[in-house]
């Protein structure tokens, strides 16, 4: 089992917390986000971790050391996360977890993803709002669409943005990422590369709304996660 964590962005919306350190090293309750993630991955049996770095990459290398391998995105200021994944596309050759570095989550989330060949963690309990990564699925849980352009009334859940692929699914996502970037589609999100799996109804929505999780993309997110997610994470 492998994990790819996208951690290249400058995290400007988290300033001043990111003025002197990258987003993945921002601390929640005295512990960095990446440390929470690495612990969860170890519990889930991930033997390899690949970090795609950009902003303050040397700090991440110094912090994580030999616990991960590293890929640099020199264009992190001008590219979206799909380009970071493009640079790591050759790593999509095995059962793989994929997520951004700014998600704080309970380790059980990854355990639930392991029950399916290809799966995305979703929260059907939160209120769906426009502009979030919304997910539409059928009654059996097969993903029909996942997009920030998906209207709330057309979705059943919000993505927790934690994904797991089996080897074949990972290879297909890698191929689709290459195709999109080579067509200069560098402004889209990695979810755009899930299209072939969704078309064949091979991507499953796994409910994790009963578990604590949260994305930390802004100072408002940071305060909310510290106030609402962290206490549940301690007690879960």
Protein backbone atom coordinates (compact mmCIF):
# COMPACT_ATOMS: atom_id res chain seq x y z
CA UNK A 1 0.00 0.00 0.00
CA UNK A 2 1.28 3.42 -1.00
CA UNK A 3 0.22 7.00 -0.25
CA UNK A 4 0.65 10.15 -2.28
CA UNK A 5 0.20 13.40 -0.37
CA UNK A 6 0.01 16.67 -2.30
CA UNK A 7 1.79 19.31 -0.22
CA UNK A 8 3.21 21.85 -2.67
CA UNK A 9 0.95 24.88 -2.21
CA UNK A 10 1.94 28.03 -0.36
CA UNK A 11 -1.19 28.04 1.80
CA UNK A 12 -1.63 31.80 1.55
CA UNK A 13 -5.16 31.67 2.99
CA UNK A 14 -3.67 30.31 6.21
CA UNK A 15 -1.35 33.27 6.73
CA UNK A 16 0.14 34.18 9.14
CA UNK A 17 0.39 30.50 10.13
CA UNK A 18 2.12 29.75 6.82
CA UNK A 19 4.36 32.79 6.58
CA UNK A 20 7.34 30.85 7.90
CA UNK A 21 6.31 27.24 7.32
CA UNK A 22 4.44 25.11 4.78
CA UNK A 23 0.82 24.15 5.32
CA UNK A 24 1.57 20.52 6.18
CA UNK A 25 3.69 21.65 9.14
CA UNK A 26 0.97 23.87 10.61
CA UNK A 27 0.30 22.58 14.10
CA UNK A 28 -3.04 21.61 15.59
CA UNK A 29 -2.80 21.09 19.34
CA UNK A 30 1.01 21.17 19.13
CA UNK A 31 1.28 18.57 16.40
CA UNK A 32 1.75 19.11 12.68
CA UNK A 33 -0.87 18.06 10.15
CA UNK A 34 1.56 15.77 8.34
CA UNK A 35 2.31 13.88 11.57
CA UNK A 36 -1.38 13.13 12.06
CA UNK A 37 -1.55 11.88 8.48
CA UNK A 38 1.58 9.75 8.66
CA UNK A 39 0.32 8.05 11.80
CA UNK A 40 -3.02 7.25 10.16
CA UNK A 41 -1.25 5.86 7.10
CA UNK A 42 0.96 3.62 9.21
CA UNK A 43 -2.12 2.22 10.96
CA UNK A 44 -3.69 1.56 7.54
CA UNK A 45 -0.67 -0.43 6.37
CA UNK A 46 0.86 2.08 3.96
CA UNK A 47 4.47 1.06 3.41
CA UNK A 48 5.47 3.95 1.15
CA UNK A 49 4.63 7.65 1.40
CA UNK A 50 5.36 10.06 -1.43
CA UNK A 51 5.16 13.79 -0.71
CA UNK A 52 4.90 16.28 -3.56
CA UNK A 53 6.53 19.46 -2.29
CA UNK A 54 6.89 23.09 -3.35
CA UNK A 55 6.69 25.91 -0.82
CA UNK A 56 9.34 25.58 1.91
CA UNK A 57 10.14 22.06 0.72
CA UNK A 58 13.35 21.90 2.74
CA UNK A 59 11.39 22.26 5.98
CA UNK A 60 9.24 19.26 5.11
CA UNK A 61 12.26 17.16 4.22
CA UNK A 62 13.93 18.07 7.50
CA UNK A 63 10.78 17.27 9.46
CA UNK A 64 9.79 13.99 7.79
CA UNK A 65 13.24 12.65 6.97
CA UNK A 66 13.27 9.06 5.76
CA UNK A 67 9.59 8.47 6.55
CA UNK A 68 8.73 9.61 3.01
CA UNK A 69 10.07 10.00 -0.50
CA UNK A 70 9.89 13.39 -2.19
CA UNK A 71 8.96 14.91 -5.53
CA UNK A 72 9.42 18.63 -6.18
CA UNK A 73 6.94 20.84 -8.00
CA UNK A 74 9.02 23.89 -8.99
CA UNK A 75 5.93 25.53 -10.50
CA UNK A 76 3.82 25.33 -7.34
CA UNK A 77 2.99 29.05 -7.43
CA UNK A 78 1.43 28.88 -10.90
CA UNK A 79 -0.10 25.38 -11.07
CA UNK A 80 -3.00 23.57 -9.45
CA UNK A 81 -2.86 20.33 -7.49
CA UNK A 82 -3.45 18.24 -10.62
CA UNK A 83 -0.01 19.31 -11.84
CA UNK A 84 1.53 18.08 -8.58
CA UNK A 85 -0.22 14.77 -9.14
CA UNK A 86 1.02 14.76 -12.74
CA UNK A 87 4.59 14.99 -11.46
CA UNK A 88 3.86 11.95 -9.27
CA UNK A 89 1.92 10.02 -11.93
CA UNK A 90 4.59 7.33 -12.16
CA UNK A 91 3.89 6.55 -8.50
CA UNK A 92 0.31 5.57 -9.34
CA UNK A 93 1.33 1.96 -9.89
CA UNK A 94 -0.02 0.20 -6.80
CA UNK A 95 -2.86 0.29 -4.28
CA UNK A 96 -2.71 3.95 -3.32
CA UNK A 97 -4.17 6.48 -0.92
CA UNK A 98 -4.33 10.00 -2.35
CA UNK A 99 -5.04 13.22 -0.51
CA UNK A 100 -3.94 16.77 0.21
CA UNK A 101 -1.83 17.67 3.21
CA UNK A 102 -4.48 19.89 4.80
CA UNK A 103 -7.01 17.24 5.93
CA UNK A 104 -7.19 16.28 9.60
CA UNK A 105 -9.07 12.99 10.01
CA UNK A 106 -9.63 9.98 12.22
CA UNK A 107 -7.55 6.93 11.18
CA UNK A 108 -10.73 4.85 10.84
CA UNK A 109 -11.50 6.81 7.65
CA UNK A 110 -8.67 5.03 5.84
CA UNK A 111 -9.75 1.66 7.21
CA UNK A 112 -13.19 2.15 5.70
CA UNK A 113 -11.71 3.07 2.32
CA UNK A 114 -9.77 -0.20 2.29
CA UNK A 115 -13.05 -2.13 2.08
CA UNK A 116 -13.48 -1.05 -1.58
CA UNK A 117 -11.22 -1.28 -4.64
CA UNK A 118 -11.69 2.41 -5.48
CA UNK A 119 -13.33 4.75 -3.01
CA UNK A 120 -13.67 8.34 -1.84
CA UNK A 121 -14.57 9.32 1.72
CA UNK A 122 -17.73 11.42 1.89
CA UNK A 123 -19.78 13.16 4.56
CA UNK A 124 -23.52 13.02 4.01
CA UNK A 125 -24.26 14.71 7.33
CA UNK A 126 -22.87 18.16 6.58
CA UNK A 127 -24.88 20.80 4.78
CA UNK A 128 -24.00 20.88 1.11
CA UNK A 129 -23.04 24.32 -0.17
CA UNK A 130 -22.09 25.66 -3.57
CA UNK A 131 -18.38 25.69 -4.32
CA UNK A 132 -17.44 22.74 -2.12
CA UNK A 133 -16.38 19.36 -3.52
CA UNK A 134 -19.87 17.85 -3.68
CA UNK A 135 -20.60 14.21 -4.51
CA UNK A 136 -23.58 12.60 -6.21
CA UNK A 137 -24.05 8.85 -5.79
CA UNK A 138 -26.67 6.19 -6.43
CA UNK A 139 -28.46 4.15 -3.76
CA UNK A 140 -25.74 1.51 -3.76
CA UNK A 141 -23.06 4.12 -3.16
CA UNK A 142 -21.51 4.32 -6.61
CA UNK A 143 -20.23 7.81 -7.39
CA UNK A 144 -22.07 9.48 -10.27
CA UNK A 145 -20.31 12.86 -10.11
CA UNK A 146 -17.80 14.71 -7.97
CA UNK A 147 -17.10 18.39 -8.54
CA UNK A 148 -17.02 21.86 -7.02
CA UNK A 149 -19.45 22.80 -9.78
CA UNK A 150 -21.97 20.18 -8.68
CA UNK A 151 -25.07 21.91 -7.28
CA UNK A 152 -25.87 21.09 -3.63
CA UNK A 153 -29.38 19.94 -4.53
CA UNK A 154 -27.91 17.42 -6.98
CA UNK A 155 -25.53 15.87 -4.43
CA UNK A 156 -25.85 13.50 -1.52
CA UNK A 157 -22.63 14.32 0.31
CA UNK A 158 -19.51 16.44 0.50
CA UNK A 159 -16.16 14.86 -0.29
CA UNK A 160 -13.73 14.52 2.60
CA UNK A 161 -11.07 14.52 -0.16
CA UNK A 162 -9.47 11.26 0.96
CA UNK A 163 -9.32 8.69 -1.82
CA UNK A 164 -8.09 5.12 -2.24
CA UNK A 165 -7.42 3.27 -5.52
CA UNK A 166 -6.50 -0.30 -6.27
CA UNK A 167 -3.59 -0.84 -8.65
CA UNK A 168 -5.72 -0.79 -11.81
CA UNK A 169 -7.64 2.26 -10.65
CA UNK A 170 -4.41 4.06 -9.80
CA UNK A 171 -2.94 3.29 -13.21
CA UNK A 172 -6.06 4.64 -14.95
CA UNK A 173 -6.05 7.80 -12.86
CA UNK A 174 -2.39 8.30 -13.71
CA UNK A 175 -3.13 7.96 -17.41
CA UNK A 176 -6.01 10.43 -17.17
CA UNK A 177 -3.90 12.93 -15.24
CA UNK A 178 -1.26 12.80 -17.96
CA UNK A 179 -3.89 13.31 -20.65
CA UNK A 180 -5.43 16.31 -18.91
CA UNK A 181 -2.13 18.05 -18.22
CA UNK A 182 -0.81 17.38 -21.70
CA UNK A 183 -3.97 19.06 -23.00
CA UNK A 184 -3.06 22.06 -20.83
CA UNK A 185 -5.86 21.35 -18.35
CA UNK A 186 -3.72 22.52 -15.45
CA UNK A 187 -6.48 24.51 -13.76
CA UNK A 188 -8.64 21.50 -12.83
CA UNK A 189 -8.58 19.39 -9.68
CA UNK A 190 -7.38 15.77 -9.45
CA UNK A 191 -11.04 14.71 -9.24
CA UNK A 192 -11.27 15.41 -12.97
CA UNK A 193 -9.03 12.37 -13.47
CA UNK A 194 -11.53 10.06 -11.78
CA UNK A 195 -13.80 10.29 -14.84
CA UNK A 196 -13.11 6.84 -16.32
CA UNK A 197 -13.77 5.13 -12.97
CA UNK A 198 -16.98 7.11 -12.49
CA UNK A 199 -18.17 6.32 -16.01
CA UNK A 200 -17.78 2.60 -15.34
CA UNK A 201 -19.37 3.02 -11.88
CA UNK A 202 -16.23 1.72 -10.19
CA UNK A 203 -15.71 4.55 -7.67
CA UNK A 204 -17.56 4.16 -4.36
CA UNK A 205 -18.68 6.81 -1.90
CA UNK A 206 -17.80 5.70 1.63
CA UNK A 207 -19.66 7.49 4.41
CA UNK A 208 -17.44 8.89 7.17
CA UNK A 209 -19.69 11.64 8.51
CA UNK A 210 -19.84 9.96 11.90
CA UNK A 211 -16.06 10.34 12.26
CA UNK A 212 -14.16 13.56 12.96
CA UNK A 213 -12.49 15.14 9.94
CA UNK A 214 -11.89 18.60 8.53
CA UNK A 215 -10.08 20.47 5.79
CA UNK A 216 -7.83 23.33 6.90
CA UNK A 217 -7.63 25.68 3.95
CA UNK A 218 -8.15 29.01 5.74
CA UNK A 219 -7.90 30.60 9.17
CA UNK A 220 -11.64 30.09 9.56
CA UNK A 221 -11.17 26.39 8.82
CA UNK A 222 -8.33 26.23 11.32
CA UNK A 223 -10.46 27.69 14.08
CA UNK A 224 -13.40 25.42 13.24
CA UNK A 225 -11.27 22.26 13.16
CA UNK A 226 -9.53 23.21 16.41
CA UNK A 227 -12.89 23.86 18.06
CA UNK A 228 -15.07 21.12 16.58
CA UNK A 229 -12.92 18.33 15.08
CA UNK A 230 -9.98 18.08 17.47
CA UNK A 231 -12.07 17.35 20.61
CA UNK A 232 -13.85 14.53 18.75
CA UNK A 233 -10.55 13.23 17.42
CA UNK A 234 -9.20 12.94 20.95
CA UNK A 235 -12.25 11.14 22.22
CA UNK A 236 -12.99 8.91 19.21
